[in-house]
Amino acid sequence: MPTAAKPPFAESEGTTPEILVPDPVVCREFGVTPMTLYRWSHDPELNFPPAVKIKERNFRVRRLLETFKGDLLRKALAGRAGRGA
């Protein structure tokens, strides 16, 4: 009897596959253009989630995007607290 294939991007048994978000959706979520997304992807200091290329299309891992959003929010709040606002 054949065994079931592992879901793509699953790290080990019992984990769920990663949710991939196409770059046009990422642009809408962040309110940026594709060129800005390209620049963010190539800026090592920004630590933007890398693209997963599938048949010439770019996708981002949802979990990594949410982590990036959380980091941005923490930095913004820390900046406001530092200004005494």
N, C-alpha and C. Protein backbone atom coordinates (compact mmCIF):
# COMPACT_ATOMS: atom_id res chain seq x y z
N MET A 1 0.84 -1.18 0.00
CA MET A 1 0.00 0.00 0.00
C MET A 1 0.89 1.24 0.00
N PRO A 2 0.69 2.19 -0.93
CA PRO A 2 1.54 3.38 -0.98
C PRO A 2 1.25 4.31 0.19
N THR A 3 2.31 5.00 0.62
CA THR A 3 2.13 5.95 1.71
C THR A 3 1.75 7.31 1.14
N ALA A 4 1.07 8.09 1.95
CA ALA A 4 0.65 9.43 1.51
C ALA A 4 1.86 10.34 1.41
N ALA A 5 1.84 11.18 0.40
CA ALA A 5 2.93 12.12 0.21
C ALA A 5 2.86 13.22 1.26
N LYS A 6 4.03 13.70 1.66
CA LYS A 6 4.09 14.79 2.63
C LYS A 6 3.59 16.07 1.98
N PRO A 7 2.85 16.90 2.73
CA PRO A 7 2.42 18.19 2.17
C PRO A 7 3.64 19.06 1.90
N PRO A 8 3.56 19.94 0.89
CA PRO A 8 4.70 20.80 0.61
C PRO A 8 5.00 21.73 1.78
N PHE A 9 6.28 21.96 2.03
CA PHE A 9 6.79 22.86 3.05
C PHE A 9 6.52 22.39 4.48
N ALA A 10 6.02 21.16 4.66
CA ALA A 10 5.85 20.65 6.02
C ALA A 10 7.22 20.33 6.58
N GLU A 11 7.51 20.75 7.79
CA GLU A 11 8.83 20.55 8.37
C GLU A 11 9.00 19.15 8.92
N SER A 12 7.97 18.56 9.49
CA SER A 12 8.07 17.21 10.02
C SER A 12 6.67 16.63 10.14
N GLU A 13 6.62 15.38 10.54
CA GLU A 13 5.31 14.74 10.72
C GLU A 13 4.47 15.50 11.73
N GLY A 14 3.20 15.65 11.43
CA GLY A 14 2.29 16.29 12.36
C GLY A 14 2.21 17.80 12.22
N THR A 15 3.02 18.39 11.34
CA THR A 15 2.93 19.83 11.15
C THR A 15 2.04 20.13 9.95
N THR A 16 1.49 21.31 9.94
CA THR A 16 0.64 21.69 8.82
C THR A 16 1.49 22.39 7.76
N PRO A 17 1.08 22.31 6.51
CA PRO A 17 1.86 22.99 5.46
C PRO A 17 1.78 24.50 5.62
N GLU A 18 2.81 25.17 5.15
CA GLU A 18 2.84 26.63 5.20
C GLU A 18 1.83 27.21 4.22
N ILE A 19 1.22 28.31 4.59
CA ILE A 19 0.30 29.02 3.70
C ILE A 19 1.13 29.99 2.88
N LEU A 20 1.00 29.91 1.56
CA LEU A 20 1.74 30.79 0.68
C LEU A 20 0.83 31.90 0.16
N VAL A 21 1.35 33.12 0.16
CA VAL A 21 0.59 34.30 -0.27
C VAL A 21 1.27 34.86 -1.52
N PRO A 22 0.53 35.01 -2.63
CA PRO A 22 1.15 35.58 -3.83
C PRO A 22 1.55 37.03 -3.63
N ASP A 23 2.62 37.45 -4.30
CA ASP A 23 3.12 38.80 -4.13
C ASP A 23 2.09 39.90 -4.40
N PRO A 24 1.19 39.78 -5.40
CA PRO A 24 0.19 40.83 -5.56
C PRO A 24 -0.68 41.03 -4.32
N VAL A 25 -0.98 39.95 -3.61
CA VAL A 25 -1.77 40.05 -2.38
C VAL A 25 -0.93 40.71 -1.28
N VAL A 26 0.35 40.37 -1.22
CA VAL A 26 1.25 40.98 -0.24
C VAL A 26 1.32 42.49 -0.48
N CYS A 27 1.41 42.89 -1.75
CA CYS A 27 1.44 44.33 -2.08
C CYS A 27 0.18 45.02 -1.56
N ARG A 28 -0.98 44.42 -1.77
CA ARG A 28 -2.23 45.03 -1.30
C ARG A 28 -2.26 45.11 0.22
N GLU A 29 -1.81 44.05 0.90
CA GLU A 29 -1.83 44.04 2.37
C GLU A 29 -0.96 45.16 2.96
N PHE A 30 0.19 45.40 2.35
CA PHE A 30 1.11 46.41 2.86
C PHE A 30 0.89 47.77 2.22
N GLY A 31 0.06 47.83 1.18
CA GLY A 31 -0.20 49.09 0.51
C GLY A 31 1.02 49.62 -0.24
N VAL A 32 1.76 48.71 -0.87
CA VAL A 32 2.97 49.09 -1.59
C VAL A 32 2.90 48.58 -3.03
N THR A 33 3.81 49.09 -3.86
CA THR A 33 3.89 48.66 -5.26
C THR A 33 4.81 47.44 -5.37
N PRO A 34 4.74 46.74 -6.50
CA PRO A 34 5.67 45.61 -6.70
C PRO A 34 7.13 46.04 -6.62
N MET A 35 7.45 47.26 -7.06
CA MET A 35 8.83 47.74 -6.98
C MET A 35 9.28 47.88 -5.54
N THR A 36 8.41 48.36 -4.67
CA THR A 36 8.74 48.47 -3.25
C THR A 36 8.98 47.08 -2.67
N LEU A 37 8.14 46.13 -3.03
CA LEU A 37 8.31 44.76 -2.56
C LEU A 37 9.67 44.20 -3.02
N TYR A 38 10.04 44.51 -4.25
CA TYR A 38 11.34 44.09 -4.77
C TYR A 38 12.47 44.70 -3.93
N ARG A 39 12.35 45.99 -3.63
CA ARG A 39 13.39 46.66 -2.83
C ARG A 39 13.47 46.07 -1.43
N TRP A 40 12.31 45.85 -0.80
CA TRP A 40 12.30 45.25 0.53
C TRP A 40 12.97 43.88 0.50
N SER A 41 12.71 43.11 -0.56
CA SER A 41 13.27 41.76 -0.66
C SER A 41 14.79 41.78 -0.77
N HIS A 42 15.33 42.87 -1.31
CA HIS A 42 16.77 42.96 -1.52
C HIS A 42 17.49 43.81 -0.47
N ASP A 43 16.78 44.21 0.58
CA ASP A 43 17.37 45.00 1.66
C ASP A 43 17.65 44.07 2.86
N PRO A 44 18.90 43.67 3.07
CA PRO A 44 19.20 42.72 4.14
C PRO A 44 18.90 43.26 5.54
N GLU A 45 18.94 44.58 5.73
CA GLU A 45 18.67 45.15 7.05
C GLU A 45 17.19 45.08 7.42
N LEU A 46 16.32 45.05 6.42
CA LEU A 46 14.88 45.04 6.66
C LEU A 46 14.39 43.68 7.13
N ASN A 47 15.07 42.62 6.70
CA ASN A 47 14.70 41.25 7.08
C ASN A 47 13.29 40.87 6.60
N PHE A 48 12.94 41.29 5.38
CA PHE A 48 11.64 40.95 4.80
C PHE A 48 11.65 39.48 4.39
N PRO A 49 10.53 38.76 4.56
CA PRO A 49 10.50 37.34 4.22
C PRO A 49 10.89 37.09 2.76
N PRO A 50 11.73 36.09 2.53
CA PRO A 50 12.17 35.80 1.16
C PRO A 50 11.03 35.21 0.32
N ALA A 51 11.17 35.36 -0.98
CA ALA A 51 10.16 34.82 -1.90
C ALA A 51 10.37 33.33 -2.10
N VAL A 52 9.25 32.64 -2.30
CA VAL A 52 9.26 31.25 -2.73
C VAL A 52 8.80 31.29 -4.18
N LYS A 53 9.67 30.93 -5.10
CA LYS A 53 9.36 31.03 -6.52
C LYS A 53 8.74 29.71 -7.00
N ILE A 54 7.56 29.81 -7.58
CA ILE A 54 6.88 28.65 -8.16
C ILE A 54 6.44 29.04 -9.56
N LYS A 55 7.03 28.39 -10.56
CA LYS A 55 6.72 28.66 -11.97
C LYS A 55 6.71 30.15 -12.28
N GLU A 56 7.81 30.81 -11.99
CA GLU A 56 8.01 32.23 -12.30
C GLU A 56 7.12 33.19 -11.50
N ARG A 57 6.41 32.69 -10.49
CA ARG A 57 5.60 33.56 -9.63
C ARG A 57 6.18 33.53 -8.23
N ASN A 58 6.12 34.67 -7.56
CA ASN A 58 6.65 34.76 -6.19
C ASN A 58 5.53 34.68 -5.16
N PHE A 59 5.81 33.94 -4.11
CA PHE A 59 4.90 33.79 -2.98
C PHE A 59 5.70 34.05 -1.71
N ARG A 60 5.01 34.41 -0.64
CA ARG A 60 5.64 34.59 0.67
C ARG A 60 4.93 33.68 1.66
N VAL A 61 5.66 33.22 2.65
CA VAL A 61 5.08 32.36 3.69
C VAL A 61 4.30 33.24 4.66
N ARG A 62 3.03 32.94 4.84
CA ARG A 62 2.14 33.75 5.69
C ARG A 62 2.71 33.93 7.09
N ARG A 63 3.20 32.87 7.69
CA ARG A 63 3.74 32.92 9.05
C ARG A 63 4.88 33.94 9.14
N LEU A 64 5.75 33.97 8.14
CA LEU A 64 6.88 34.90 8.14
C LEU A 64 6.40 36.34 7.93
N LEU A 65 5.36 36.52 7.11
CA LEU A 65 4.80 37.85 6.91
C LEU A 65 4.22 38.39 8.22
N GLU A 66 3.52 37.54 8.95
CA GLU A 66 2.92 37.98 10.22
C GLU A 66 4.00 38.31 11.24
N THR A 67 5.09 37.55 11.23
CA THR A 67 6.21 37.86 12.12
C THR A 67 6.82 39.21 11.75
N PHE A 68 6.97 39.46 10.45
CA PHE A 68 7.51 40.73 9.98
C PHE A 68 6.61 41.89 10.41
N LYS A 69 5.29 41.73 10.25
CA LYS A 69 4.35 42.77 10.67
C LYS A 69 4.47 43.05 12.17
N GLY A 70 4.58 41.99 12.96
CA GLY A 70 4.73 42.15 14.40
C GLY A 70 6.00 42.90 14.77
N ASP A 71 7.09 42.59 14.06
CA ASP A 71 8.35 43.28 14.31
C ASP A 71 8.24 44.77 13.97
N LEU A 72 7.57 45.07 12.85
CA LEU A 72 7.37 46.48 12.47
C LEU A 72 6.57 47.22 13.54
N LEU A 73 5.53 46.57 14.03
CA LEU A 73 4.69 47.19 15.04
C LEU A 73 5.47 47.44 16.34
N ARG A 74 6.26 46.45 16.75
CA ARG A 74 7.06 46.62 17.97
C ARG A 74 8.06 47.76 17.81
N LYS A 75 8.71 47.85 16.66
CA LYS A 75 9.67 48.94 16.42
C LYS A 75 8.97 50.30 16.43
N ALA A 76 7.79 50.36 15.81
CA ALA A 76 7.05 51.62 15.78
C ALA A 76 6.63 52.05 17.18
N LEU A 77 6.15 51.10 17.98
CA LEU A 77 5.74 51.42 19.35
C LEU A 77 6.93 51.81 20.20
N ALA A 78 8.05 51.15 20.01
CA ALA A 78 9.25 51.49 20.78
C ALA A 78 9.72 52.90 20.39
N GLY A 79 9.60 53.24 19.12
CA GLY A 79 9.98 54.58 18.68
C GLY A 79 9.10 55.65 19.27
N ARG A 80 7.81 55.37 19.37
CA ARG A 80 6.89 56.34 19.97
C ARG A 80 7.17 56.52 21.45
N ALA A 81 7.44 55.40 22.13
CA ALA A 81 7.72 55.47 23.57
C ALA A 81 9.01 56.24 23.83
N GLY A 82 9.97 56.10 22.91
CA GLY A 82 11.25 56.80 23.06
C GLY A 82 11.13 58.30 22.88
N ARG A 83 10.10 58.73 22.14
CA ARG A 83 9.90 60.16 21.90
C ARG A 83 9.09 60.82 23.01
N GLY A 84 8.53 60.00 23.90
CA GLY A 84 7.73 60.55 25.00
C GLY A 84 6.31 60.86 24.58
N ALA A 85 5.84 60.25 23.50
CA ALA A 85 4.48 60.52 23.02
C ALA A 85 3.46 59.71 23.75
